[in-house]
Amino acid sequence: MPQCPHCQNPYEVGQRYCSTCGSFLMHPEQGDTFCPQCGVRVSPRQEFCHECDAPLKGAPAAPEALGPVPASAAPAPEAAPAKVPATGLPSWLVGVLVGSGILIIILLVLLFTRGTSTPPAPAPAPKVEAPAPAPAPAPAAPAVAPSQPVAPGPAPAPPAEANLKEELQKELSILREAQLRKDIVQFMSVYSLTYPELDDKRAGTLKSWENYDFTNLVFTVDKIQPIDSDNAIATVTWYIDTKNRRTHDLSSSSQTYQVRFAKELGKWRIRSLEEAEQ
């Protein structure tokens, strides 16, 4: 098993870094390069140590090429400067002639541009503004009619009798179901909290249930008289079939009441009732 070149601990083949000191373990054929600060082995291509981040100066020399480096080709010999044929005039005279020619060209350009300069454009004629139109006369204010006294709106009508009858029948159906099932909580929920002698009503109902069973119970609602949106009076007739629990005798009867309903928390409740003549 190979050993770490820094701490001499064995490591598995293919392991990249030493688990003990953190030295770089790959490519042992490229030789050993160590960090000058912490001493761990680093890759020859690293610029900074992976353990202490110290800069790695003096990168190792690149490995030799497989073959000798071919000698660079010899530089081509410099071409000889072309010979200027002799003009027969001295060089100072040539310079004077060239300078004179340039000066003449500049003067001709200046004279040409001055002679052909375009005249300034004439000033635009003053714009004649049209006279402003005369303002239109303001419309006359409309005549204000004398205010008429507003008649007060009609008082809100009591609820329609048809809808009221359906709502009362719904509450009486709850009362009927409570009688058949002998559910005192459901039975008392149809009565108002201000019903006179409410506790006596509860006690009397429980005593009646001890003696009789209701085999059939039917009701009718007539003569509905809405008082206002929260109060109404109606005539309720009950048709009752009972069975005596002790003797098992069957009996049928009917009872008619003048019932006053009051709306409490959005639901109709029995506020009071009086037995009416049949």
Protein backbone atom coordinates (compact mmCIF):
# COMPACT_ATOMS: atom_id res chain seq x y z
CA MET A 1 0.00 0.00 0.00
CA PRO A 2 1.51 3.42 -0.94
CA GLN A 3 2.44 5.92 1.77
CA CYS A 4 1.90 9.68 2.00
CA PRO A 5 5.17 11.50 1.07
CA HIS A 6 4.55 14.01 3.91
CA CYS A 7 3.27 12.06 6.93
CA GLN A 8 4.18 8.52 5.73
CA ASN A 9 0.69 7.18 6.49
CA PRO A 10 -0.63 4.54 4.07
CA TYR A 11 -3.54 5.45 1.77
CA GLU A 12 -5.74 3.72 -0.77
CA VAL A 13 -4.81 3.80 -4.44
CA GLY A 14 -6.82 6.49 -6.19
CA GLN A 15 -7.27 8.62 -3.00
CA ARG A 16 -6.87 12.32 -3.90
CA TYR A 17 -5.85 13.85 -0.56
CA CYS A 18 -4.31 12.36 2.58
CA SER A 19 -6.91 11.97 5.34
CA THR A 20 -4.24 12.77 7.99
CA CYS A 21 -2.24 15.75 6.73
CA GLY A 22 -4.18 16.79 3.61
CA SER A 23 -1.31 16.29 1.14
CA PHE A 24 -2.05 15.92 -2.56
CA LEU A 25 -1.61 12.20 -3.45
CA MET A 26 -2.31 12.04 -7.17
CA HIS A 27 0.31 11.76 -9.97
CA PRO A 28 3.30 10.55 -7.98
CA GLU A 29 5.18 10.18 -11.32
CA GLN A 30 5.42 14.03 -11.57
CA GLY A 31 7.59 14.24 -8.48
CA ASP A 32 6.92 15.89 -5.13
CA THR A 33 6.17 19.58 -4.73
CA PHE A 34 5.66 20.84 -1.16
CA CYS A 35 4.12 24.03 0.25
CA PRO A 36 6.91 26.27 1.63
CA GLN A 37 4.64 27.33 4.54
CA CYS A 38 2.81 24.21 5.85
CA GLY A 39 4.88 21.52 4.13
CA VAL A 40 2.05 19.46 2.60
CA ARG A 41 2.44 18.01 -0.88
CA VAL A 42 0.67 20.06 -3.54
CA SER A 43 -0.05 19.65 -7.22
CA PRO A 44 2.65 21.11 -9.51
CA ARG A 45 -0.10 23.14 -11.22
CA GLN A 46 -1.44 24.81 -8.06
CA GLU A 47 -0.84 28.52 -7.53
CA PHE A 48 -2.03 28.51 -3.91
CA CYS A 49 -1.82 25.84 -1.19
CA HIS A 50 -5.15 24.05 -0.63
CA GLU A 51 -4.44 23.78 3.12
CA CYS A 52 -3.06 27.22 4.17
CA ASP A 53 -3.75 29.31 1.00
CA ALA A 54 -0.07 30.32 0.83
CA PRO A 55 1.15 31.37 -2.65
CA LEU A 56 3.32 28.74 -4.32
CA LYS A 57 6.30 30.51 -5.89
CA GLY A 58 8.75 28.98 -8.29
CA ALA A 59 6.66 26.58 -10.33
CA PRO A 60 8.61 23.47 -11.34
CA ALA A 61 10.11 23.34 -14.74
CA ALA A 62 8.00 21.77 -17.44
CA PRO A 63 8.91 18.14 -18.26
CA GLU A 64 11.27 17.50 -21.15
CA ALA A 65 9.75 16.98 -24.54
CA LEU A 66 10.04 13.55 -26.09
CA GLY A 67 12.41 14.76 -28.75
CA PRO A 68 14.99 17.55 -28.98
CA VAL A 69 13.65 20.98 -29.64
CA PRO A 70 14.30 21.80 -33.28
CA ALA A 71 16.56 24.74 -33.80
CA SER A 72 14.76 27.86 -34.85
CA ALA A 73 15.12 28.75 -38.44
CA ALA A 74 17.83 31.26 -39.19
CA PRO A 75 16.50 34.75 -39.81
CA ALA A 76 16.25 35.74 -43.40
CA PRO A 77 18.90 38.22 -44.52
CA GLU A 78 17.78 41.85 -44.57
CA ALA A 79 16.89 43.17 -47.95
CA ALA A 80 19.20 45.89 -49.14
CA PRO A 81 17.54 49.32 -49.34
CA ALA A 82 16.55 50.39 -52.77
CA LYS A 83 18.80 53.01 -54.25
CA VAL A 84 17.19 56.37 -54.99
CA PRO A 85 18.21 57.58 -58.39
CA ALA A 86 19.91 60.92 -58.35
CA THR A 87 17.61 63.78 -59.35
CA GLY A 88 20.33 66.19 -60.25
CA LEU A 89 18.89 68.89 -57.82
CA PRO A 90 20.18 69.58 -54.34
CA SER A 91 17.96 68.37 -51.52
CA TRP A 92 17.36 71.85 -50.06
CA LEU A 93 15.98 73.05 -53.36
CA VAL A 94 13.60 70.17 -53.55
CA GLY A 95 12.29 71.03 -50.04
CA VAL A 96 11.71 74.65 -51.00
CA LEU A 97 9.74 73.68 -54.08
CA VAL A 98 7.56 71.24 -52.19
CA GLY A 99 6.80 73.80 -49.44
CA SER A 100 5.93 76.49 -51.99
CA GLY A 101 3.49 74.15 -53.74
CA ILE A 102 1.69 73.33 -50.48
CA LEU A 103 1.39 77.02 -49.60
CA ILE A 104 -0.10 77.87 -53.02
CA ILE A 105 -2.71 75.11 -52.66
CA ILE A 106 -3.80 76.44 -49.21
CA LEU A 107 -4.17 79.99 -50.57
CA LEU A 108 -6.29 78.82 -53.50
CA VAL A 109 -8.59 76.89 -51.19
CA LEU A 110 -9.10 79.93 -48.94
CA LEU A 111 -9.87 82.22 -51.88
CA PHE A 112 -12.33 79.73 -53.38
CA THR A 113 -14.25 79.27 -50.15
CA ARG A 114 -14.52 83.02 -49.53
CA GLY A 115 -15.75 83.82 -53.04
CA THR A 116 -18.45 81.16 -53.06
CA SER A 117 -19.88 81.68 -49.55
CA THR A 118 -23.69 81.67 -49.63
CA PRO A 119 -25.49 84.88 -48.60
CA PRO A 120 -27.46 84.72 -45.35
CA ALA A 121 -31.11 83.71 -45.67
CA PRO A 122 -33.60 86.60 -45.50
CA ALA A 123 -35.45 87.04 -42.24
CA PRO A 124 -38.96 85.52 -42.27
CA ALA A 125 -41.87 87.91 -42.62
CA PRO A 126 -43.72 88.63 -39.40
CA LYS A 127 -46.71 86.35 -38.90
CA VAL A 128 -50.04 88.15 -38.90
CA GLU A 129 -52.20 86.74 -36.15
CA ALA A 130 -55.94 86.45 -36.69
CA PRO A 131 -58.07 88.46 -34.27
CA ALA A 132 -59.34 86.42 -31.37
CA PRO A 133 -63.05 85.58 -31.63
CA ALA A 134 -65.37 87.42 -29.33
CA PRO A 135 -66.35 85.36 -26.29
CA ALA A 136 -69.76 83.75 -26.50
CA PRO A 137 -72.31 85.06 -24.09
CA ALA A 138 -72.68 82.98 -20.98
CA PRO A 139 -75.88 80.90 -20.90
CA ALA A 140 -78.54 82.19 -18.64
CA ALA A 141 -78.92 80.32 -15.39
CA PRO A 142 -81.99 78.07 -15.41
CA ALA A 143 -84.83 79.19 -13.32
CA VAL A 144 -85.00 77.36 -10.03
CA ALA A 145 -88.39 75.94 -9.37
CA PRO A 146 -89.66 76.38 -5.85
CA SER A 147 -88.90 73.34 -3.77
CA GLN A 148 -91.82 71.09 -3.02
CA PRO A 149 -92.08 69.35 0.32
CA VAL A 150 -91.12 65.70 -0.01
CA ALA A 151 -93.85 63.43 1.20
CA PRO A 152 -92.65 60.78 3.63
CA GLY A 153 -92.35 57.31 2.16
CA PRO A 154 -94.90 54.68 3.02
CA ALA A 155 -94.32 52.68 6.17
CA PRO A 156 -92.75 49.26 5.57
CA ALA A 157 -95.43 46.72 4.85
CA PRO A 158 -95.71 43.65 7.09
CA PRO A 159 -94.31 40.42 5.65
CA ALA A 160 -96.38 38.72 2.99
CA GLU A 161 -98.91 36.30 4.43
CA ALA A 162 -97.77 33.41 2.21
CA ASN A 163 -94.14 33.63 3.29
CA LEU A 164 -95.19 34.19 6.90
CA LYS A 165 -97.40 31.08 6.83
CA GLU A 166 -94.50 28.94 5.56
CA GLU A 167 -92.22 30.23 8.32
CA LEU A 168 -94.81 29.55 11.04
CA GLN A 169 -95.49 26.07 9.67
CA LYS A 170 -91.76 25.34 9.79
CA GLU A 171 -91.59 26.10 13.52
CA LEU A 172 -94.79 24.17 14.26
CA SER A 173 -93.34 21.16 12.40
CA ILE A 174 -90.41 21.22 14.82
CA LEU A 175 -92.90 21.26 17.71
CA ARG A 176 -94.80 18.28 16.20
CA GLU A 177 -91.61 16.24 15.75
CA ALA A 178 -90.57 16.97 19.35
CA GLN A 179 -93.96 15.74 20.61
CA LEU A 180 -93.72 12.46 18.67
CA ARG A 181 -90.11 11.86 19.74
CA LYS A 182 -90.68 13.20 23.29
CA ASP A 183 -87.64 15.49 22.97
CA ILE A 184 -88.13 18.16 25.63
CA VAL A 185 -85.14 20.26 24.51
CA GLN A 186 -86.41 20.47 20.95
CA PHE A 187 -89.96 21.06 22.24
CA MET A 188 -88.98 24.04 24.45
CA SER A 189 -86.81 25.60 21.70
CA VAL A 190 -90.01 26.67 19.87
CA TYR A 191 -91.24 28.69 22.88
CA SER A 192 -90.03 32.23 23.65
CA LEU A 193 -87.98 32.85 26.77
CA THR A 194 -90.64 35.39 27.77
CA TYR A 195 -93.46 32.81 27.55
CA PRO A 196 -95.53 33.08 30.75
CA GLU A 197 -95.01 30.22 33.22
CA LEU A 198 -92.38 28.58 30.99
CA ASP A 199 -91.27 26.14 33.70
CA ASP A 200 -94.85 24.97 34.29
CA LYS A 201 -95.17 24.36 30.54
CA ARG A 202 -92.10 22.14 30.65
CA ALA A 203 -93.26 20.18 33.68
CA GLY A 204 -96.78 19.67 32.30
CA THR A 205 -95.44 18.39 28.98
CA LEU A 206 -93.15 15.83 30.64
CA LYS A 207 -96.03 14.56 32.82
CA SER A 208 -98.27 14.19 29.76
CA TRP A 209 -95.59 12.14 28.00
CA GLU A 210 -95.44 9.78 30.98
CA ASN A 211 -99.10 8.90 30.53
CA TYR A 212 -99.65 9.09 26.77
CA ASP A 213 -97.94 8.25 23.51
CA PHE A 214 -98.76 10.28 20.39
CA THR A 215 -99.65 7.93 17.52
CA ASN A 216 -100.54 10.76 15.13
CA LEU A 217 -100.31 14.54 15.27
CA VAL A 218 -101.49 16.98 12.57
CA PHE A 219 -101.90 20.77 12.65
CA THR A 220 -103.37 23.56 10.53
CA VAL A 221 -102.56 27.29 10.52
CA ASP A 222 -105.30 29.80 9.67
CA LYS A 223 -106.29 33.43 10.14
CA ILE A 224 -102.74 34.78 10.08
CA GLN A 225 -102.61 38.45 11.12
CA PRO A 226 -99.22 40.14 10.76
CA ILE A 227 -98.81 42.88 13.36
CA ASP A 228 -95.39 44.11 12.24
CA SER A 229 -92.19 42.58 10.92
CA ASP A 230 -91.51 40.81 14.27
CA ASN A 231 -94.98 39.92 15.59
CA ALA A 232 -97.94 37.96 14.23
CA ILE A 233 -101.10 36.20 15.41
CA ALA A 234 -102.48 32.96 13.96
CA THR A 235 -105.07 30.30 14.74
CA VAL A 236 -103.48 26.84 15.15
CA THR A 237 -105.57 23.66 15.35
CA TRP A 238 -104.04 20.35 16.47
CA TYR A 239 -105.59 16.95 15.60
CA ILE A 240 -104.25 14.45 18.11
CA ASP A 241 -104.32 10.65 18.27
CA THR A 242 -103.01 9.28 21.57
CA LYS A 243 -102.57 5.95 23.33
CA ASN A 244 -102.85 5.55 27.09
CA ARG A 245 -99.66 3.92 28.27
CA ARG A 246 -101.39 2.20 31.24
CA THR A 247 -104.66 1.00 29.65
CA HIS A 248 -103.52 1.07 25.99
CA ASP A 249 -106.77 2.83 25.05
CA LEU A 250 -106.73 4.92 21.88
CA SER A 251 -108.36 8.34 21.70
CA SER A 252 -108.66 11.18 19.21
CA SER A 253 -109.16 14.86 19.90
CA SER A 254 -108.55 18.36 18.52
CA GLN A 255 -107.43 21.56 20.18
CA THR A 256 -107.55 25.09 18.74
CA TYR A 257 -105.35 27.90 20.04
CA GLN A 258 -104.97 31.61 19.38
CA VAL A 259 -101.15 31.78 19.17
CA ARG A 260 -99.02 34.90 19.26
CA PHE A 261 -95.65 34.53 17.54
CA ALA A 262 -92.62 36.81 18.03
CA LYS A 263 -89.37 36.77 16.05
CA GLU A 264 -86.29 36.26 18.21
CA LEU A 265 -82.80 35.99 16.69
CA GLY A 266 -84.34 35.60 13.23
CA LYS A 267 -86.70 32.72 14.17
CA TRP A 268 -90.39 32.72 15.10
CA ARG A 269 -91.14 31.67 18.70
CA ILE A 270 -94.43 31.15 20.56
CA ARG A 271 -94.83 34.16 22.87
CA SER A 272 -98.27 33.23 24.22
CA LEU A 273 -101.30 31.07 23.40
CA GLU A 274 -104.95 30.92 24.43
CA GLU A 275 -107.37 28.09 23.81
CA ALA A 276 -110.04 29.20 21.36
CA GLU A 277 -113.59 28.00 20.94
CA GLN A 278 -114.06 25.45 18.17
